[in-house]
């Protein structure tokens, strides 16, 4: 199963969906597309996703969104728990797209990053 955390309004996210469905998925694995703005992830789901990404929590947060500034998320004293809560409450903050396959995940920005899951 391949899971894509997707925002249809994002060109990079749309490109990732096309790459996964076409170029990379030669084995025709099932694909689940999660529109995370309509189906926000819980804190527990975000923690699991972060573990699959293998990066600091901050790397999965979009720092260009207005909410980032409004919530003062640049404050380095914030804990991981506080960052997870912010993303759970404001899903627009989640980096996009994120593709998960075989227990690993990558941020598909640029979309070519996705190739690492298929090599």
Protein backbone atom coordinates (compact mmCIF):
# COMPACT_ATOMS: atom_id res chain seq x y z
CA UNK A 1 0.00 0.00 0.00
CA UNK A 2 1.20 3.46 -0.94
CA UNK A 3 -0.27 6.40 0.98
CA UNK A 4 -0.08 9.96 -0.28
CA UNK A 5 -0.91 12.83 2.07
CA UNK A 6 -2.24 15.22 -0.52
CA UNK A 7 -3.51 18.75 -0.97
CA UNK A 8 -5.20 18.96 -4.38
CA UNK A 9 -4.61 22.73 -4.54
CA UNK A 10 -0.83 22.21 -4.45
CA UNK A 11 0.96 21.68 -7.77
CA UNK A 12 3.78 19.67 -6.12
CA UNK A 13 1.22 17.44 -4.46
CA UNK A 14 -0.61 16.87 -7.76
CA UNK A 15 2.72 16.09 -9.43
CA UNK A 16 3.52 13.55 -6.72
CA UNK A 17 0.20 11.79 -7.26
CA UNK A 18 0.88 11.59 -10.99
CA UNK A 19 4.41 10.25 -10.47
CA UNK A 20 3.28 7.60 -8.01
CA UNK A 21 0.31 6.49 -10.10
CA UNK A 22 2.32 6.42 -13.32
CA UNK A 23 6.09 6.44 -13.31
CA UNK A 24 6.94 4.78 -10.00
CA UNK A 25 4.14 2.32 -9.38
CA UNK A 26 5.01 -0.27 -12.01
CA UNK A 27 3.86 -3.07 -9.68
CA UNK A 28 0.39 -1.50 -9.49
CA UNK A 29 0.40 -1.36 -5.71
CA UNK A 30 -2.82 0.00 -4.16
CA UNK A 31 -2.71 3.74 -3.56
CA UNK A 32 -4.56 5.57 -0.82
CA UNK A 33 -4.81 9.32 -1.23
CA UNK A 34 -5.49 11.16 2.03
CA UNK A 35 -6.66 14.74 1.66
CA UNK A 36 -5.33 15.75 5.05
CA UNK A 37 -7.10 19.12 5.04
CA UNK A 38 -10.42 17.22 4.97
CA UNK A 39 -9.17 14.36 7.16
CA UNK A 40 -6.69 15.93 9.61
CA UNK A 41 -4.18 13.62 11.22
CA UNK A 42 -4.25 13.05 14.94
CA UNK A 43 -1.21 13.66 17.11
CA UNK A 44 -0.58 9.89 17.20
CA UNK A 45 -0.80 9.65 13.40
CA UNK A 46 1.58 12.60 13.07
CA UNK A 47 4.06 10.92 15.42
CA UNK A 48 3.94 7.71 13.39
CA UNK A 49 4.37 9.65 10.14
CA UNK A 50 7.30 11.55 11.63
CA UNK A 51 8.97 8.29 12.66
CA UNK A 52 8.57 7.01 9.09
CA UNK A 53 10.09 10.23 7.75
CA UNK A 54 12.99 9.98 10.18
CA UNK A 55 13.41 13.73 10.49
CA UNK A 56 12.95 16.38 13.17
CA UNK A 57 9.31 17.37 13.71
CA UNK A 58 10.08 20.87 12.45
CA UNK A 59 11.00 19.44 9.03
CA UNK A 60 7.45 18.28 8.48
CA UNK A 61 6.00 21.74 9.18
CA UNK A 62 5.45 24.38 6.51
CA UNK A 63 7.00 27.59 7.77
CA UNK A 64 5.52 29.66 4.93
CA UNK A 65 1.93 29.42 6.17
CA UNK A 66 0.34 32.34 8.02
CA UNK A 67 -0.52 30.00 10.90
CA UNK A 68 3.17 29.31 11.44
CA UNK A 69 3.79 32.96 12.19
CA UNK A 70 0.51 33.46 14.09
CA UNK A 71 1.27 30.52 16.40
CA UNK A 72 4.91 31.63 16.84
CA UNK A 73 6.13 28.19 15.77
CA UNK A 74 9.60 29.55 15.03
CA UNK A 75 10.11 29.65 18.81
CA UNK A 76 12.82 27.02 19.36
CA UNK A 77 11.69 26.47 22.95
CA UNK A 78 8.51 24.75 21.74
CA UNK A 79 8.45 21.02 22.45
CA UNK A 80 7.75 18.33 19.88
CA UNK A 81 4.42 17.76 21.63
CA UNK A 82 3.47 21.41 21.11
CA UNK A 83 4.47 21.21 17.44
CA UNK A 84 2.44 18.03 16.90
CA UNK A 85 -0.56 19.71 18.56
CA UNK A 86 -0.22 22.74 16.28
CA UNK A 87 -0.19 20.59 13.13
CA UNK A 88 -3.09 18.46 14.37
CA UNK A 89 -5.14 21.61 14.99
CA UNK A 90 -3.95 23.40 11.83
CA UNK A 91 -3.39 20.72 9.16
CA UNK A 92 -2.38 23.34 6.58
CA UNK A 93 0.97 23.35 8.43
CA UNK A 94 1.81 19.81 7.31
CA UNK A 95 4.42 19.60 4.56
CA UNK A 96 3.02 18.30 1.31
CA UNK A 97 2.97 15.94 -0.29
CA UNK A 98 4.15 13.12 1.92
CA UNK A 99 4.35 9.66 0.40
CA UNK A 100 4.52 6.50 2.52
CA UNK A 101 5.52 3.06 1.25
CA UNK A 102 6.92 0.03 3.00
CA UNK A 103 7.09 1.70 6.40
CA UNK A 104 9.16 4.61 5.07
CA UNK A 105 8.06 8.09 4.09
CA UNK A 106 9.43 11.05 2.16
CA UNK A 107 8.37 14.63 1.66
CA UNK A 108 7.76 14.91 -2.07
CA UNK A 109 9.19 18.40 -2.40
CA UNK A 110 10.65 18.24 -4.97
CA UNK A 111 8.55 15.40 -6.38
CA UNK A 112 11.71 13.55 -7.43
CA UNK A 113 12.32 12.75 -3.73
CA UNK A 114 9.65 10.08 -4.08
CA UNK A 115 11.96 7.92 -6.19
CA UNK A 116 13.82 6.91 -3.00
CA UNK A 117 10.79 4.84 -1.92
CA UNK A 118 10.87 2.82 -5.13
CA UNK A 119 14.57 2.00 -5.44
